[in-house]
Each structure stands twice: as C-alpha cells, then as structure tokens.
Amino acid sequence: MDELPDKERYIEDLNKLEQMMNSSPRKAEDMGRLIPYHFHNTLEQNFGRMCMFYIKEVAESDRIFSDPRNEAIHRLCKKIYKLMKENGDNLKYASIPMI
C-alpha cells in the first residue's frame, strides 16, 4: 500500500471538512447531491478522485478502526472497490489511477 501523505500538510482543510460534516446530519448528504450542479467539471473530477481514494483506502486498510456505527460503510467501500477491480475500471477519463 502506498505511504499516506503528511497529515499535517492538510490538517486545516481536514478540520474544515470535518466541521462541515459534523454541523448537521443532513448537510453532507445535501452537499453531496448539489456538487454535480455547482462545481466546475475539473473540481467535480477532483471531488470524485477524493472519494475514490477514500474508498480504496478503506477497502485496502486493516489499520482503520471500525465500530458498529460505520461497519456498513466499510463493507460498502470493500464491495465498490472489488467491483472496480473486477471490471478493470481505472476511470482513465477522470485521471484517477485506481488499480
């Protein structure tokens, strides 16, 4: 597995994302639904890339602690990543090196 990036470099941005997602139970869902209609295509691509790397990291890592509150999302990430690998979907037009 690839080495994780230096967290300190991104801590401010991670904290902002965490705050946004923690401020309202529906906010993350609503924002996720609005992104395709608001972001420029390049930014939508970058957001998709971020989501794909999250899925890949969760699917491949045994180091991530999972408790009953998030076991379902971990199982789903593993299923999505398995399907992507089985289908050879490297999303080349999105410039996302998945496999």
PDB file of N, CA and C in Angstrom:
ATOM      1  N   MET A   1       0.839  -1.176   0.000  1.00  0.00           N
ATOM      2  CA  MET A   1       0.000   0.000   0.000  1.00  0.00           C
ATOM      3  C   MET A   1       0.887   1.244   0.000  1.00  0.00           C
ATOM      4  N   ASP A   2       0.429   2.241  -0.697  1.00  0.00           N
ATOM      5  CA  ASP A   2       1.173   3.499  -0.758  1.00  0.00           C
ATOM      6  C   ASP A   2       1.263   4.129   0.623  1.00  0.00           C
ATOM      7  N   GLU A   3       2.339   4.869   0.808  1.00  0.00           N
ATOM      8  CA  GLU A   3       2.523   5.624   2.045  1.00  0.00           C
ATOM      9  C   GLU A   3       1.491   6.754   2.093  1.00  0.00           C
ATOM     10  N   LEU A   4       0.913   6.988   3.262  1.00  0.00           N
ATOM     11  CA  LEU A   4      -0.055   8.074   3.408  1.00  0.00           C
ATOM     12  C   LEU A   4       0.659   9.418   3.339  1.00  0.00           C
ATOM     13  N   PRO A   5      -0.011  10.448   2.805  1.00  0.00           N
ATOM     14  CA  PRO A   5       0.601  11.780   2.765  1.00  0.00           C
ATOM     15  C   PRO A   5       0.752  12.354   4.167  1.00  0.00           C
ATOM     16  N   ASP A   6       1.567  13.366   4.286  1.00  0.00           N
ATOM     17  CA  ASP A   6       1.793  14.034   5.557  1.00  0.00           C
ATOM     18  C   ASP A   6       0.502  14.731   5.999  1.00  0.00           C
ATOM     19  N   LYS A   7      -0.107  14.224   7.046  1.00  0.00           N
ATOM     20  CA  LYS A   7      -1.388  14.750   7.524  1.00  0.00           C
ATOM     21  C   LYS A   7      -1.292  16.219   7.920  1.00  0.00           C
ATOM     22  N   GLU A   8      -0.170  16.612   8.498  1.00  0.00           N
ATOM     23  CA  GLU A   8      -0.008  17.998   8.962  1.00  0.00           C
ATOM     24  C   GLU A   8      -0.182  18.996   7.814  1.00  0.00           C
ATOM     25  N   ARG A   9       0.182  18.595   6.634  1.00  0.00           N
ATOM     26  CA  ARG A   9       0.065  19.467   5.467  1.00  0.00           C
ATOM     27  C   ARG A   9      -1.397  19.797   5.150  1.00  0.00           C
ATOM     28  N   TYR A  10      -2.309  18.903   5.538  1.00  0.00           N
ATOM     29  CA  TYR A  10      -3.720  19.037   5.182  1.00  0.00           C
ATOM     30  C   TYR A  10      -4.634  19.241   6.392  1.00  0.00           C
ATOM     31  N   ILE A  11      -4.073  19.363   7.570  1.00  0.00           N
ATOM     32  CA  ILE A  11      -4.875  19.368   8.786  1.00  0.00           C
ATOM     33  C   ILE A  11      -5.931  20.472   8.804  1.00  0.00           C
ATOM     34  N   GLU A  12      -5.614  21.660   8.344  1.00  0.00           N
ATOM     35  CA  GLU A  12      -6.590  22.763   8.346  1.00  0.00           C
ATOM     36  C   GLU A  12      -7.778  22.427   7.443  1.00  0.00           C
ATOM     37  N   ASP A  13      -7.496  21.915   6.251  1.00  0.00           N
ATOM     38  CA  ASP A  13      -8.572  21.552   5.321  1.00  0.00           C
ATOM     39  C   ASP A  13      -9.391  20.374   5.850  1.00  0.00           C
ATOM     40  N   LEU A  14      -8.713  19.386   6.432  1.00  0.00           N
ATOM     41  CA  LEU A  14      -9.423  18.247   7.011  1.00  0.00           C
ATOM     42  C   LEU A  14     -10.335  18.696   8.145  1.00  0.00           C
ATOM     43  N   ASN A  15      -9.858  19.623   8.961  1.00  0.00           N
ATOM     44  CA  ASN A  15     -10.682  20.133  10.063  1.00  0.00           C
ATOM     45  C   ASN A  15     -11.910  20.877   9.543  1.00  0.00           C
ATOM     46  N   LYS A  16     -11.765  21.641   8.465  1.00  0.00           N
ATOM     47  CA  LYS A  16     -12.910  22.356   7.881  1.00  0.00           C
ATOM     48  C   LYS A  16     -13.937  21.362   7.342  1.00  0.00           C
ATOM     49  N   LEU A  17     -13.474  20.336   6.653  1.00  0.00           N
ATOM     50  CA  LEU A  17     -14.371  19.313   6.125  1.00  0.00           C
ATOM     51  C   LEU A  17     -15.080  18.593   7.271  1.00  0.00           C
ATOM     52  N   GLU A  18     -14.332  18.273   8.299  1.00  0.00           N
ATOM     53  CA  GLU A  18     -14.901  17.601   9.467  1.00  0.00           C
ATOM     54  C   GLU A  18     -15.971  18.461  10.132  1.00  0.00           C
ATOM     55  N   GLN A  19     -15.698  19.741  10.293  1.00  0.00           N
ATOM     56  CA  GLN A  19     -16.665  20.670  10.892  1.00  0.00           C
ATOM     57  C   GLN A  19     -17.940  20.745  10.058  1.00  0.00           C
ATOM     58  N   MET A  20     -17.775  20.859   8.756  1.00  0.00           N
ATOM     59  CA  MET A  20     -18.932  20.946   7.863  1.00  0.00           C
ATOM     60  C   MET A  20     -19.798  19.700   8.001  1.00  0.00           C
ATOM     61  N   MET A  21     -19.170  18.539   7.986  1.00  0.00           N
ATOM     62  CA  MET A  21     -19.918  17.289   8.039  1.00  0.00           C
ATOM     63  C   MET A  21     -20.538  17.055   9.416  1.00  0.00           C
ATOM     64  N   ASN A  22     -19.949  17.619  10.454  1.00  0.00           N
ATOM     65  CA  ASN A  22     -20.425  17.411  11.808  1.00  0.00           C
ATOM     66  C   ASN A  22     -21.493  18.422  12.219  1.00  0.00           C
ATOM     67  N   SER A  23     -21.704  19.465  11.434  1.00  0.00           N
ATOM     68  CA  SER A  23     -22.614  20.536  11.835  1.00  0.00           C
ATOM     69  C   SER A  23     -24.085  20.183  11.667  1.00  0.00           C
ATOM     70  N   SER A  24     -24.392  19.219  10.824  1.00  0.00           N
ATOM     71  CA  SER A  24     -25.781  18.843  10.589  1.00  0.00           C
ATOM     72  C   SER A  24     -25.812  17.439   9.990  1.00  0.00           C
ATOM     73  N   PRO A  25     -26.698  16.590  10.483  1.00  0.00           N
ATOM     74  CA  PRO A  25     -26.756  15.229   9.952  1.00  0.00           C
ATOM     75  C   PRO A  25     -27.037  15.170   8.455  1.00  0.00           C
ATOM     76  N   ARG A  26     -27.823  16.097   7.936  1.00  0.00           N
ATOM     77  CA  ARG A  26     -28.182  16.061   6.513  1.00  0.00           C
ATOM     78  C   ARG A  26     -27.257  16.883   5.631  1.00  0.00           C
ATOM     79  N   LYS A  27     -26.400  17.684   6.224  1.00  0.00           N
ATOM     80  CA  LYS A  27     -25.592  18.604   5.430  1.00  0.00           C
ATOM     81  C   LYS A  27     -24.688  17.863   4.446  1.00  0.00           C
ATOM     82  N   ALA A  28     -24.023  16.796   4.871  1.00  0.00           N
ATOM     83  CA  ALA A  28     -23.138  16.050   3.979  1.00  0.00           C
ATOM     84  C   ALA A  28     -23.932  15.457   2.817  1.00  0.00           C
ATOM     85  N   GLU A  29     -25.111  14.913   3.116  1.00  0.00           N
ATOM     86  CA  GLU A  29     -25.955  14.344   2.057  1.00  0.00           C
ATOM     87  C   GLU A  29     -26.404  15.429   1.074  1.00  0.00           C
ATOM     88  N   ASP A  30     -26.891  16.532   1.607  1.00  0.00           N
ATOM     89  CA  ASP A  30     -27.360  17.623   0.747  1.00  0.00           C
ATOM     90  C   ASP A  30     -26.221  18.182  -0.103  1.00  0.00           C
ATOM     91  N   MET A  31     -25.067  18.395   0.511  1.00  0.00           N
ATOM     92  CA  MET A  31     -23.924  18.934  -0.238  1.00  0.00           C
ATOM     93  C   MET A  31     -23.508  17.945  -1.327  1.00  0.00           C
ATOM     94  N   GLY A  32     -23.484  16.649  -0.998  1.00  0.00           N
ATOM     95  CA  GLY A  32     -23.130  15.635  -1.987  1.00  0.00           C
ATOM     96  C   GLY A  32     -24.068  15.645  -3.182  1.00  0.00           C
ATOM     97  N   ARG A  33     -25.327  15.890  -2.940  1.00  0.00           N
ATOM     98  CA  ARG A  33     -26.302  15.930  -4.032  1.00  0.00           C
ATOM     99  C   ARG A  33     -26.160  17.194  -4.884  1.00  0.00           C
ATOM    100  N   LEU A  34     -25.672  18.271  -4.303  1.00  0.00           N
ATOM    101  CA  LEU A  34     -25.557  19.540  -5.026  1.00  0.00           C
ATOM    102  C   LEU A  34     -24.256  19.679  -5.825  1.00  0.00           C
ATOM    103  N   ILE A  35     -23.223  18.943  -5.452  1.00  0.00           N
ATOM    104  CA  ILE A  35     -21.913  19.088  -6.092  1.00  0.00           C
ATOM    105  C   ILE A  35     -21.966  18.981  -7.616  1.00  0.00           C
ATOM    106  N   PRO A  36     -22.675  18.000  -8.194  1.00  0.00           N
ATOM    107  CA  PRO A  36     -22.679  17.908  -9.661  1.00  0.00           C
ATOM    108  C   PRO A  36     -23.272  19.134 -10.364  1.00  0.00           C
ATOM    109  N   TYR A  37     -24.076  19.895  -9.649  1.00  0.00           N
ATOM    110  CA  TYR A  37     -24.723  21.066 -10.248  1.00  0.00           C
ATOM    111  C   TYR A  37     -24.007  22.372  -9.932  1.00  0.00           C
ATOM    112  N   HIS A  38     -23.033  22.313  -9.051  1.00  0.00           N
ATOM    113  CA  HIS A  38     -22.374  23.540  -8.612  1.00  0.00           C
ATOM    114  C   HIS A  38     -20.904  23.606  -9.021  1.00  0.00           C
ATOM    115  N   PHE A  39     -20.174  22.521  -8.835  1.00  0.00           N
ATOM    116  CA  PHE A  39     -18.737  22.525  -9.106  1.00  0.00           C
ATOM    117  C   PHE A  39     -18.443  22.605 -10.598  1.00  0.00           C
ATOM    118  N   HIS A  40     -17.379  23.283 -10.932  1.00  0.00           N
ATOM    119  CA  HIS A  40     -16.823  23.228 -12.282  1.00  0.00           C
ATOM    120  C   HIS A  40     -16.411  21.774 -12.541  1.00  0.00           C
ATOM    121  N   ASN A  41     -16.409  21.356 -13.803  1.00  0.00           N
ATOM    122  CA  ASN A  41     -16.095  19.961 -14.148  1.00  0.00           C
ATOM    123  C   ASN A  41     -14.773  19.484 -13.545  1.00  0.00           C
ATOM    124  N   THR A  42     -13.756  20.323 -13.562  1.00  0.00           N
ATOM    125  CA  THR A  42     -12.461  19.928 -13.013  1.00  0.00           C
ATOM    126  C   THR A  42     -12.557  19.710 -11.509  1.00  0.00           C
ATOM    127  N   LEU A  43     -13.291  20.570 -10.812  1.00  0.00           N
ATOM    128  CA  LEU A  43     -13.441  20.411  -9.368  1.00  0.00           C
ATOM    129  C   LEU A  43     -14.302  19.192  -9.041  1.00  0.00           C
ATOM    130  N   GLU A  44     -15.304  18.933  -9.870  1.00  0.00           N
ATOM    131  CA  GLU A  44     -16.112  17.729  -9.671  1.00  0.00           C
ATOM    132  C   GLU A  44     -15.238  16.486  -9.843  1.00  0.00           C
ATOM    133  N   GLN A  45     -14.337  16.536 -10.815  1.00  0.00           N
ATOM    134  CA  GLN A  45     -13.393  15.439 -11.036  1.00  0.00           C
ATOM    135  C   GLN A  45     -12.498  15.256  -9.808  1.00  0.00           C
ATOM    136  N   ASN A  46     -12.004  16.343  -9.247  1.00  0.00           N
ATOM    137  CA  ASN A  46     -11.151  16.263  -8.061  1.00  0.00           C
ATOM    138  C   ASN A  46     -11.920  15.720  -6.857  1.00  0.00           C
ATOM    139  N   PHE A  47     -13.176  16.123  -6.730  1.00  0.00           N
ATOM    140  CA  PHE A  47     -14.002  15.597  -5.646  1.00  0.00           C
ATOM    141  C   PHE A  47     -14.197  14.091  -5.825  1.00  0.00           C
ATOM    142  N   GLY A  48     -14.480  13.670  -7.047  1.00  0.00           N
ATOM    143  CA  GLY A  48     -14.622  12.243  -7.338  1.00  0.00           C
ATOM    144  C   GLY A  48     -13.349  11.483  -7.026  1.00  0.00           C
ATOM    145  N   ARG A  49     -12.222  12.067  -7.376  1.00  0.00           N
ATOM    146  CA  ARG A  49     -10.922  11.452  -7.088  1.00  0.00           C
ATOM    147  C   ARG A  49     -10.746  11.282  -5.579  1.00  0.00           C
ATOM    148  N   MET A  50     -11.113  12.306  -4.809  1.00  0.00           N
ATOM    149  CA  MET A  50     -11.008  12.225  -3.362  1.00  0.00           C
ATOM    150  C   MET A  50     -11.878  11.080  -2.830  1.00  0.00           C
ATOM    151  N   CYS A  51     -13.098  10.962  -3.343  1.00  0.00           N
ATOM    152  CA  CYS A  51     -13.995   9.890  -2.908  1.00  0.00           C
ATOM    153  C   CYS A  51     -13.434   8.515  -3.271  1.00  0.00           C
ATOM    154  N   MET A  52     -12.872   8.382  -4.467  1.00  0.00           N
ATOM    155  CA  MET A  52     -12.311   7.103  -4.891  1.00  0.00           C
ATOM    156  C   MET A  52     -11.124   6.694  -4.024  1.00  0.00           C
ATOM    157  N   PHE A  53     -10.287   7.651  -3.647  1.00  0.00           N
ATOM    158  CA  PHE A  53      -9.160   7.316  -2.785  1.00  0.00           C
ATOM    159  C   PHE A  53      -9.625   6.973  -1.373  1.00  0.00           C
ATOM    160  N   TYR A  54     -10.702   7.589  -0.915  1.00  0.00           N
ATOM    161  CA  TYR A  54     -11.286   7.199   0.367  1.00  0.00           C
ATOM    162  C   TYR A  54     -11.749   5.746   0.297  1.00  0.00           C
ATOM    163  N   ILE A  55     -12.498   5.401  -0.749  1.00  0.00           N
ATOM    164  CA  ILE A  55     -12.994   4.035  -0.927  1.00  0.00           C
ATOM    165  C   ILE A  55     -11.835   3.045  -0.983  1.00  0.00           C
ATOM    166  N   LYS A  56     -10.814   3.368  -1.764  1.00  0.00           N
ATOM    167  CA  LYS A  56      -9.647   2.499  -1.905  1.00  0.00           C
ATOM    168  C   LYS A  56      -8.942   2.321  -0.566  1.00  0.00           C
ATOM    169  N   GLU A  57      -8.743   3.407   0.169  1.00  0.00           N
ATOM    170  CA  GLU A  57      -8.026   3.350   1.450  1.00  0.00           C
ATOM    171  C   GLU A  57      -8.784   2.483   2.456  1.00  0.00           C
ATOM    172  N   VAL A  58     -10.090   2.693   2.547  1.00  0.00           N
ATOM    173  CA  VAL A  58     -10.897   1.910   3.483  1.00  0.00           C
ATOM    174  C   VAL A  58     -10.904   0.437   3.083  1.00  0.00           C
ATOM    175  N   ALA A  59     -11.038   0.169   1.790  1.00  0.00           N
ATOM    176  CA  ALA A  59     -11.109  -1.214   1.310  1.00  0.00           C
ATOM    177  C   ALA A  59      -9.816  -1.979   1.533  1.00  0.00           C
ATOM    178  N   GLU A  60      -8.683  -1.315   1.389  1.00  0.00           N
ATOM    179  CA  GLU A  60      -7.391  -1.998   1.463  1.00  0.00           C
ATOM    180  C   GLU A  60      -6.762  -2.003   2.853  1.00  0.00           C
ATOM    181  N   SER A  61      -7.220  -1.173   3.737  1.00  0.00           N
ATOM    182  CA  SER A  61      -6.528  -0.994   5.007  1.00  0.00           C
ATOM    183  C   SER A  61      -7.139  -1.828   6.132  1.00  0.00           C
ATOM    184  N   ASP A  62      -6.282  -2.495   6.852  1.00  0.00           N
ATOM    185  CA  ASP A  62      -6.702  -3.186   8.073  1.00  0.00           C
ATOM    186  C   ASP A  62      -6.435  -2.311   9.286  1.00  0.00           C
ATOM    187  N   ARG A  63      -5.815  -1.160   9.072  1.00  0.00           N
ATOM    188  CA  ARG A  63      -5.444  -0.272  10.175  1.00  0.00           C
ATOM    189  C   ARG A  63      -6.580   0.650  10.583  1.00  0.00           C
ATOM    190  N   ILE A  64      -7.611   0.746   9.765  1.00  0.00           N
ATOM    191  CA  ILE A  64      -8.704   1.667  10.054  1.00  0.00           C
ATOM    192  C   ILE A  64      -9.654   1.024  11.053  1.00  0.00           C
ATOM    193  N   PHE A  65      -9.852   1.698  12.173  1.00  0.00           N
ATOM    194  CA  PHE A  65     -10.765   1.203  13.199  1.00  0.00           C
ATOM    195  C   PHE A  65     -12.199   1.350  12.718  1.00  0.00           C
ATOM    196  N   SER A  66     -12.949   0.307  12.881  1.00  0.00           N
ATOM    197  CA  SER A  66     -14.354   0.351  12.511  1.00  0.00           C
ATOM    198  C   SER A  66     -15.176  -0.088  13.708  1.00  0.00           C
ATOM    199  N   ASP A  67     -16.221   0.645  13.998  1.00  0.00           N
ATOM    200  CA  ASP A  67     -17.123   0.254  15.072  1.00  0.00           C
ATOM    201  C   ASP A  67     -18.507   0.036  14.464  1.00  0.00           C
ATOM    202  N   PRO A  68     -19.467  -0.424  15.256  1.00  0.00           N
ATOM    203  CA  PRO A  68     -20.785  -0.728  14.693  1.00  0.00           C
ATOM    204  C   PRO A  68     -21.439   0.439  13.947  1.00  0.00           C
ATOM    205  N   ARG A  69     -21.069   1.684  14.293  1.00  0.00           N
ATOM    206  CA  ARG A  69     -21.684   2.843  13.620  1.00  0.00           C
ATOM    207  C   ARG A  69     -21.242   2.986  12.181  1.00  0.00           C
ATOM    208  N   ASN A  70     -20.049   2.491  11.838  1.00  0.00           N
ATOM    209  CA  ASN A  70     -19.604   2.681  10.454  1.00  0.00           C
ATOM    210  C   ASN A  70     -19.191   1.387   9.748  1.00  0.00           C
ATOM    211  N   GLU A  71     -19.557   0.236  10.310  1.00  0.00           N
ATOM    212  CA  GLU A  71     -19.225  -1.025   9.648  1.00  0.00           C
ATOM    213  C   GLU A  71     -19.885  -1.132   8.276  1.00  0.00           C
ATOM    214  N   ALA A  72     -21.107  -0.624   8.139  1.00  0.00           N
ATOM    215  CA  ALA A  72     -21.816  -0.730   6.865  1.00  0.00           C
ATOM    216  C   ALA A  72     -21.083   0.031   5.758  1.00  0.00           C
ATOM    217  N   ILE A  73     -20.588   1.223   6.048  1.00  0.00           N
ATOM    218  CA  ILE A  73     -19.884   1.990   5.016  1.00  0.00           C
ATOM    219  C   ILE A  73     -18.565   1.314   4.658  1.00  0.00           C
ATOM    220  N   HIS A  74     -17.922   0.672   5.618  1.00  0.00           N
ATOM    221  CA  HIS A  74     -16.681  -0.055   5.333  1.00  0.00           C
ATOM    222  C   HIS A  74     -16.960  -1.253   4.425  1.00  0.00           C
ATOM    223  N   ARG A  75     -18.050  -1.975   4.711  1.00  0.00           N
ATOM    224  CA  ARG A  75     -18.429  -3.105   3.837  1.00  0.00           C
ATOM    225  C   ARG A  75     -18.740  -2.608   2.427  1.00  0.00           C
ATOM    226  N   LEU A  76     -19.454  -1.498   2.332  1.00  0.00           N
ATOM    227  CA  LEU A  76     -19.803  -0.945   1.030  1.00  0.00           C
ATOM    228  C   LEU A  76     -18.553  -0.517   0.257  1.00  0.00           C
ATOM    229  N   CYS A  77     -17.605   0.113   0.921  1.00  0.00           N
ATOM    230  CA  CYS A  77     -16.354   0.506   0.275  1.00  0.00           C
ATOM    231  C   CYS A  77     -15.632  -0.713  -0.287  1.00  0.00           C
ATOM    232  N   LYS A  78     -15.596  -1.788   0.468  1.00  0.00           N
ATOM    233  CA  LYS A  78     -14.940  -3.008   0.008  1.00  0.00           C
ATOM    234  C   LYS A  78     -15.645  -3.572  -1.220  1.00  0.00           C
ATOM    235  N   LYS A  79     -16.977  -3.537  -1.246  1.00  0.00           N
ATOM    236  CA  LYS A  79     -17.743  -4.034  -2.398  1.00  0.00           C
ATOM    237  C   LYS A  79     -17.500  -3.158  -3.633  1.00  0.00           C
ATOM    238  N   ILE A  80     -17.539  -1.862  -3.452  1.00  0.00           N
ATOM    239  CA  ILE A  80     -17.325  -0.944  -4.582  1.00  0.00           C
ATOM    240  C   ILE A  80     -15.927  -1.137  -5.153  1.00  0.00           C
ATOM    241  N   TYR A  81     -14.942  -1.203  -4.293  1.00  0.00           N
ATOM    242  CA  TYR A  81     -13.556  -1.359  -4.752  1.00  0.00           C
ATOM    243  C   TYR A  81     -13.363  -2.697  -5.461  1.00  0.00           C
ATOM    244  N   LYS A  82     -13.977  -3.759  -4.936  1.00  0.00           N
ATOM    245  CA  LYS A  82     -13.899  -5.073  -5.580  1.00  0.00           C
ATOM    246  C   LYS A  82     -14.503  -5.018  -6.984  1.00  0.00           C
ATOM    247  N   LEU A  83     -15.661  -4.392  -7.124  1.00  0.00           N
ATOM    248  CA  LEU A  83     -16.291  -4.249  -8.442  1.00  0.00           C
ATOM    249  C   LEU A  83     -15.405  -3.460  -9.400  1.00  0.00           C
ATOM    250  N   MET A  84     -14.790  -2.415  -8.902  1.00  0.00           N
ATOM    251  CA  MET A  84     -13.913  -1.602  -9.751  1.00  0.00           C
ATOM    252  C   MET A  84     -12.731  -2.431 -10.238  1.00  0.00           C
ATOM    253  N   LYS A  85     -12.148  -3.214  -9.337  1.00  0.00           N
ATOM    254  CA  LYS A  85     -11.006  -4.042  -9.727  1.00  0.00           C
ATOM    255  C   LYS A  85     -11.433  -5.135 -10.710  1.00  0.00           C
ATOM    256  N   GLU A  86     -12.573  -5.766 -10.452  1.00  0.00           N
ATOM    257  CA  GLU A  86     -13.066  -6.833 -11.330  1.00  0.00           C
ATOM    258  C   GLU A  86     -13.358  -6.321 -12.733  1.00  0.00           C
ATOM    259  N   ASN A  87     -13.839  -5.107 -12.823  1.00  0.00           N
ATOM    260  CA  ASN A  87     -14.206  -4.530 -14.119  1.00  0.00           C
ATOM    261  C   ASN A  87     -13.064  -3.775 -14.779  1.00  0.00           C
ATOM    262  N   GLY A  88     -11.916  -3.720 -14.122  1.00  0.00           N
ATOM    263  CA  GLY A  88     -10.773  -3.005 -14.683  1.00  0.00           C
ATOM    264  C   GLY A  88     -11.065  -1.535 -14.876  1.00  0.00           C
ATOM    265  N   ASP A  89     -11.938  -1.003 -14.053  1.00  0.00           N
ATOM    266  CA  ASP A  89     -12.357   0.388 -14.195  1.00  0.00           C
ATOM    267  C   ASP A  89     -11.327   1.314 -13.573  1.00  0.00           C
ATOM    268  N   ASN A  90     -10.438   1.838 -14.412  1.00  0.00           N
ATOM    269  CA  ASN A  90      -9.441   2.775 -13.896  1.00  0.00           C
ATOM    270  C   ASN A  90      -9.865   4.219 -14.110  1.00  0.00           C
ATOM    271  N   LEU A  91     -11.075   4.418 -14.612  1.00  0.00           N
ATOM    272  CA  LEU A  91     -11.639   5.754 -14.810  1.00  0.00           C
ATOM    273  C   LEU A  91     -10.643   6.693 -15.491  1.00  0.00           C
ATOM    274  N   LYS A  92     -10.071   6.202 -16.584  1.00  0.00           N
ATOM    275  CA  LYS A  92      -8.983   6.952 -17.224  1.00  0.00           C
ATOM    276  C   LYS A  92      -9.380   8.366 -17.638  1.00  0.00           C
ATOM    277  N   TYR A  93     -10.641   8.570 -17.958  1.00  0.00           N
ATOM    278  CA  TYR A  93     -11.035   9.916 -18.366  1.00  0.00           C
ATOM    279  C   TYR A  93     -11.118  10.862 -17.174  1.00  0.00           C
ATOM    280  N   ALA A  94     -11.180  10.302 -15.977  1.00  0.00           N
ATOM    281  CA  ALA A  94     -11.194  11.130 -14.782  1.00  0.00           C
ATOM    282  C   ALA A  94      -9.797  11.237 -14.176  1.00  0.00           C
ATOM    283  N   SER A  95      -8.825  10.629 -14.822  1.00  0.00           N
ATOM    284  CA  SER A  95      -7.438  10.684 -14.355  1.00  0.00           C
ATOM    285  C   SER A  95      -7.293  10.161 -12.938  1.00  0.00           C
ATOM    286  N   ILE A  96      -8.032   9.097 -12.625  1.00  0.00           N
ATOM    287  CA  ILE A  96      -7.959   8.515 -11.290  1.00  0.00           C
ATOM    288  C   ILE A  96      -7.308   7.144 -11.397  1.00  0.00           C
ATOM    289  N   PRO A  97      -6.055   7.031 -10.977  1.00  0.00           N
ATOM    290  CA  PRO A  97      -5.396   5.724 -11.021  1.00  0.00           C
ATOM    291  C   PRO A  97      -5.902   4.847  -9.879  1.00  0.00           C
ATOM    292  N   MET A  98      -6.859   3.974 -10.173  1.00  0.00           N
ATOM    293  CA  MET A  98      -7.496   3.178  -9.139  1.00  0.00           C
ATOM    294  C   MET A  98      -6.784   1.866  -8.863  1.00  0.00           C
ATOM    295  N   ILE A  99      -6.266   1.216  -9.856  1.00  0.00           N
ATOM    296  CA  ILE A  99      -5.733  -0.135  -9.665  1.00  0.00           C
ATOM    297  C   ILE A  99      -4.225  -0.110  -9.855  1.00  0.00           C
TER     298      ILE A  99
END
